[in-house]
Amino acid sequence: MVQFGDTIQVNKDASIRDAVCFFCGVNVQGTINGDTVVFFGSARIDGQANHDVVVFFGNVVAADNTSIGHNLVNFFGSVRLGENVTVGQDTVVMFGSLHAPQSVSYGGDRVVQPGFIFWVPFLLIVFGFSFVVRELRGQRRRRMLRGY
């Protein structure tokens, strides 16, 4: 199932193969047997995701007692896992945050890179660039005013 701008809803006792969503969300109360991929949206898992869950620029929420069969990957967003959530393989959160109780079980590695690791250098570069541009424009303006 592929959607653009419209929420993918998997009702209880329903099952789909894959869920791919652009600028929308995925709400799973049933089962997704394949991958769940979301771009610029959020994924809420209240049932089972039997393979990978990947979210870019959005959030992942897994309710209590849910399972993610393989990998959980999130870029530029937050991940909230409920009690007794099972992640079958790796959990990777890049430039975001992970909120998980002690009862969460991970079958592989857990890697979390907080957002400030990206945003602080990025903002320093932007401010440095804007300072240089402002100074160069100011010097040109001062030269023009001296000519009058």
C-alpha atoms as a PDB file:
ATOM      1  CA  MET A   1       0.000   0.000   0.000  1.00  0.00           C
ATOM      2  CA  VAL A   2       1.468   3.346  -1.050  1.00  0.00           C
ATOM      3  CA  GLN A   3      -0.061   6.677  -0.067  1.00  0.00           C
ATOM      4  CA  PHE A   4       0.842  10.301  -0.705  1.00  0.00           C
ATOM      5  CA  GLY A   5      -0.687  12.709   1.810  1.00  0.00           C
ATOM      6  CA  ASP A   6      -3.293  10.261   3.092  1.00  0.00           C
ATOM      7  CA  THR A   7      -2.992   8.165   6.274  1.00  0.00           C
ATOM      8  CA  ILE A   8      -2.548   4.424   5.937  1.00  0.00           C
ATOM      9  CA  GLN A   9      -4.828   2.732   8.467  1.00  0.00           C
ATOM     10  CA  VAL A  10      -4.402  -0.980   9.200  1.00  0.00           C
ATOM     11  CA  ASN A  11      -7.360  -1.998  11.346  1.00  0.00           C
ATOM     12  CA  LYS A  12      -7.331  -4.696  13.985  1.00  0.00           C
ATOM     13  CA  ASP A  13      -7.472  -8.203  12.460  1.00  0.00           C
ATOM     14  CA  ALA A  14      -6.360  -6.744   9.093  1.00  0.00           C
ATOM     15  CA  SER A  15      -3.067  -7.412   7.372  1.00  0.00           C
ATOM     16  CA  ILE A  16      -1.131  -5.767   4.532  1.00  0.00           C
ATOM     17  CA  ARG A  17       2.211  -6.534   2.884  1.00  0.00           C
ATOM     18  CA  ASP A  18       4.086  -3.185   2.877  1.00  0.00           C
ATOM     19  CA  ALA A  19       3.196   0.377   3.854  1.00  0.00           C
ATOM     20  CA  VAL A  20       4.947   3.301   2.152  1.00  0.00           C
ATOM     21  CA  CYS A  21       3.783   6.777   2.973  1.00  0.00           C
ATOM     22  CA  PHE A  22       4.880  10.238   1.786  1.00  0.00           C
ATOM     23  CA  PHE A  23       3.746  13.301   3.786  1.00  0.00           C
ATOM     24  CA  CYS A  24       1.324  11.249   5.866  1.00  0.00           C
ATOM     25  CA  GLY A  25       1.165   8.724   8.669  1.00  0.00           C
ATOM     26  CA  VAL A  26       0.809   5.002   9.214  1.00  0.00           C
ATOM     27  CA  ASN A  27      -1.470   3.753  11.988  1.00  0.00           C
ATOM     28  CA  VAL A  28      -1.124   0.013  12.566  1.00  0.00           C
ATOM     29  CA  GLN A  29      -3.572  -1.826  14.801  1.00  0.00           C
ATOM     30  CA  GLY A  30      -3.356  -5.027  12.779  1.00  0.00           C
ATOM     31  CA  THR A  31      -0.311  -6.521  11.045  1.00  0.00           C
ATOM     32  CA  ILE A  32       2.142  -5.322   8.427  1.00  0.00           C
ATOM     33  CA  ASN A  33       3.985  -8.354   7.074  1.00  0.00           C
ATOM     34  CA  GLY A  34       6.600  -6.380   5.124  1.00  0.00           C
ATOM     35  CA  ASP A  35       8.295  -3.020   5.543  1.00  0.00           C
ATOM     36  CA  THR A  36       6.859   0.194   6.888  1.00  0.00           C
ATOM     37  CA  VAL A  37       8.458   3.302   5.367  1.00  0.00           C
ATOM     38  CA  VAL A  38       7.346   6.858   6.120  1.00  0.00           C
ATOM     39  CA  PHE A  39       8.728  10.108   4.709  1.00  0.00           C
ATOM     40  CA  PHE A  40       7.705  13.337   6.482  1.00  0.00           C
ATOM     41  CA  GLY A  41       5.106  11.708   8.704  1.00  0.00           C
ATOM     42  CA  SER A  42       4.690   9.449  11.695  1.00  0.00           C
ATOM     43  CA  ALA A  43       4.184   5.779  12.379  1.00  0.00           C
ATOM     44  CA  ARG A  44       2.074   4.463  15.248  1.00  0.00           C
ATOM     45  CA  ILE A  45       2.350   0.737  15.875  1.00  0.00           C
ATOM     46  CA  ASP A  46      -0.395  -0.785  18.054  1.00  0.00           C
ATOM     47  CA  GLY A  47      -0.190  -4.197  16.402  1.00  0.00           C
ATOM     48  CA  GLN A  48       2.686  -5.939  14.665  1.00  0.00           C
ATOM     49  CA  ALA A  49       5.220  -4.810  12.119  1.00  0.00           C
ATOM     50  CA  ASN A  50       6.877  -8.048  11.027  1.00  0.00           C
ATOM     51  CA  HIS A  51       9.782  -6.487   9.164  1.00  0.00           C
ATOM     52  CA  ASP A  52      11.508  -3.049   9.151  1.00  0.00           C
ATOM     53  CA  VAL A  53      10.040   0.251  10.333  1.00  0.00           C
ATOM     54  CA  VAL A  54      11.833   3.243   8.783  1.00  0.00           C
ATOM     55  CA  VAL A  55      10.776   6.862   9.320  1.00  0.00           C
ATOM     56  CA  PHE A  56      12.435   9.975   7.882  1.00  0.00           C
ATOM     57  CA  PHE A  57      11.566  13.366   9.423  1.00  0.00           C
ATOM     58  CA  GLY A  58       8.827  12.072  11.695  1.00  0.00           C
ATOM     59  CA  ASN A  59       8.082  10.167  14.871  1.00  0.00           C
ATOM     60  CA  VAL A  60       7.595   6.533  15.768  1.00  0.00           C
ATOM     61  CA  VAL A  61       5.317   5.446  18.609  1.00  0.00           C
ATOM     62  CA  ALA A  62       5.035   1.785  19.544  1.00  0.00           C
ATOM     63  CA  ALA A  63       2.311   0.992  22.072  1.00  0.00           C
ATOM     64  CA  ASP A  64       2.678  -1.476  24.926  1.00  0.00           C
ATOM     65  CA  ASN A  65       3.225  -5.144  24.013  1.00  0.00           C
ATOM     66  CA  THR A  66       3.875  -4.543  20.304  1.00  0.00           C
ATOM     67  CA  SER A  67       6.599  -6.076  18.194  1.00  0.00           C
ATOM     68  CA  ILE A  68       8.780  -4.915  15.341  1.00  0.00           C
ATOM     69  CA  GLY A  69      10.211  -7.957  13.567  1.00  0.00           C
ATOM     70  CA  HIS A  70      13.490  -6.591  12.245  1.00  0.00           C
ATOM     71  CA  ASN A  71      14.993  -3.086  12.343  1.00  0.00           C
ATOM     72  CA  LEU A  72      13.643   0.181  13.697  1.00  0.00           C
ATOM     73  CA  VAL A  73      15.250   3.199  11.994  1.00  0.00           C
ATOM     74  CA  ASN A  74      14.422   6.872  12.502  1.00  0.00           C
ATOM     75  CA  PHE A  75      16.115   9.960  11.029  1.00  0.00           C
ATOM     76  CA  PHE A  76      15.387  13.446  12.410  1.00  0.00           C
ATOM     77  CA  GLY A  77      12.572  12.488  14.750  1.00  0.00           C
ATOM     78  CA  SER A  78      11.745  10.844  18.032  1.00  0.00           C
ATOM     79  CA  VAL A  79      10.984   7.248  18.955  1.00  0.00           C
ATOM     80  CA  ARG A  80       8.709   6.366  21.880  1.00  0.00           C
ATOM     81  CA  LEU A  81       8.430   2.725  22.833  1.00  0.00           C
ATOM     82  CA  GLY A  82       5.886   1.403  25.318  1.00  0.00           C
ATOM     83  CA  GLU A  83       6.220  -1.320  27.918  1.00  0.00           C
ATOM     84  CA  ASN A  84       7.292  -4.772  26.734  1.00  0.00           C
ATOM     85  CA  VAL A  85       7.955  -3.719  23.131  1.00  0.00           C
ATOM     86  CA  THR A  86      10.157  -6.120  21.160  1.00  0.00           C
ATOM     87  CA  VAL A  87      12.504  -4.997  18.386  1.00  0.00           C
ATOM     88  CA  GLY A  88      13.848  -8.056  16.567  1.00  0.00           C
ATOM     89  CA  GLN A  89      17.130  -6.598  15.333  1.00  0.00           C
ATOM     90  CA  ASP A  90      18.785  -3.151  15.405  1.00  0.00           C
ATOM     91  CA  THR A  91      17.365   0.147  16.611  1.00  0.00           C
ATOM     92  CA  VAL A  92      18.918   3.222  15.005  1.00  0.00           C
ATOM     93  CA  VAL A  93      17.871   6.783  15.842  1.00  0.00           C
ATOM     94  CA  MET A  94      19.881   9.403  13.968  1.00  0.00           C
ATOM     95  CA  PHE A  95      19.602  13.049  14.990  1.00  0.00           C
ATOM     96  CA  GLY A  96      16.623  12.450  17.242  1.00  0.00           C
ATOM     97  CA  SER A  97      15.660  10.953  20.586  1.00  0.00           C
ATOM     98  CA  LEU A  98      14.710   7.548  21.937  1.00  0.00           C
ATOM     99  CA  HIS A  99      12.334   7.179  24.895  1.00  0.00           C
ATOM    100  CA  ALA A 100      12.067   3.577  26.034  1.00  0.00           C
ATOM    101  CA  PRO A 101      11.435   1.885  29.390  1.00  0.00           C
ATOM    102  CA  GLN A 102      13.671  -0.879  30.720  1.00  0.00           C
ATOM    103  CA  SER A 103      11.183  -3.559  29.646  1.00  0.00           C
ATOM    104  CA  VAL A 104      11.922  -3.031  25.919  1.00  0.00           C
ATOM    105  CA  SER A 105      13.892  -5.893  24.394  1.00  0.00           C
ATOM    106  CA  TYR A 106      16.311  -5.344  21.518  1.00  0.00           C
ATOM    107  CA  GLY A 107      17.501  -8.245  19.388  1.00  0.00           C
ATOM    108  CA  GLY A 108      20.484  -6.313  18.040  1.00  0.00           C
ATOM    109  CA  ASP A 109      22.347  -3.072  18.507  1.00  0.00           C
ATOM    110  CA  ARG A 110      20.844   0.166  19.773  1.00  0.00           C
ATOM    111  CA  VAL A 111      22.400   3.324  18.287  1.00  0.00           C
ATOM    112  CA  VAL A 112      21.182   6.816  19.168  1.00  0.00           C
ATOM    113  CA  GLN A 113      22.778  10.006  17.848  1.00  0.00           C
ATOM    114  CA  PRO A 114      21.091  13.044  19.419  1.00  0.00           C
ATOM    115  CA  GLY A 115      19.982  15.922  17.243  1.00  0.00           C
ATOM    116  CA  PHE A 116      22.468  18.444  18.581  1.00  0.00           C
ATOM    117  CA  ILE A 117      25.307  16.497  16.916  1.00  0.00           C
ATOM    118  CA  PHE A 118      23.851  17.610  13.584  1.00  0.00           C
ATOM    119  CA  TRP A 119      22.210  20.936  14.450  1.00  0.00           C
ATOM    120  CA  VAL A 120      25.048  22.640  16.370  1.00  0.00           C
ATOM    121  CA  PRO A 121      27.661  22.370  13.572  1.00  0.00           C
ATOM    122  CA  PHE A 122      25.006  23.130  10.963  1.00  0.00           C
ATOM    123  CA  LEU A 123      23.918  26.319  12.741  1.00  0.00           C
ATOM    124  CA  LEU A 124      27.533  27.393  13.295  1.00  0.00           C
ATOM    125  CA  ILE A 125      28.196  27.043   9.568  1.00  0.00           C
ATOM    126  CA  VAL A 126      25.020  28.982   8.687  1.00  0.00           C
ATOM    127  CA  PHE A 127      25.808  31.798  11.140  1.00  0.00           C
ATOM    128  CA  GLY A 128      29.430  31.932   9.970  1.00  0.00           C
ATOM    129  CA  PHE A 129      28.360  32.099   6.344  1.00  0.00           C
ATOM    130  CA  SER A 130      25.765  34.821   7.030  1.00  0.00           C
ATOM    131  CA  PHE A 131      28.376  36.839   8.985  1.00  0.00           C
ATOM    132  CA  VAL A 132      30.839  36.682   6.067  1.00  0.00           C
ATOM    133  CA  VAL A 133      28.161  37.675   3.551  1.00  0.00           C
ATOM    134  CA  ARG A 134      26.995  40.567   5.749  1.00  0.00           C
ATOM    135  CA  GLU A 135      30.567  41.832   6.152  1.00  0.00           C
ATOM    136  CA  LEU A 136      31.292  41.621   2.434  1.00  0.00           C
ATOM    137  CA  ARG A 137      28.109  43.526   1.605  1.00  0.00           C
ATOM    138  CA  GLY A 138      28.941  46.098   4.275  1.00  0.00           C
ATOM    139  CA  GLN A 139      32.419  46.660   2.852  1.00  0.00           C
ATOM    140  CA  ARG A 140      31.001  47.180  -0.640  1.00  0.00           C
ATOM    141  CA  ARG A 141      28.385  49.582   0.721  1.00  0.00           C
ATOM    142  CA  ARG A 142      31.065  51.554   2.625  1.00  0.00           C
ATOM    143  CA  ARG A 143      33.213  51.819  -0.528  1.00  0.00           C
ATOM    144  CA  MET A 144      30.236  53.090  -2.488  1.00  0.00           C
ATOM    145  CA  LEU A 145      29.445  55.717   0.184  1.00  0.00           C
ATOM    146  CA  ARG A 146      33.077  56.930   0.224  1.00  0.00           C
ATOM    147  CA  GLY A 147      32.795  57.665  -3.492  1.00  0.00           C
ATOM    148  CA  TYR A 148      30.053  60.251  -2.922  1.00  0.00           C
END
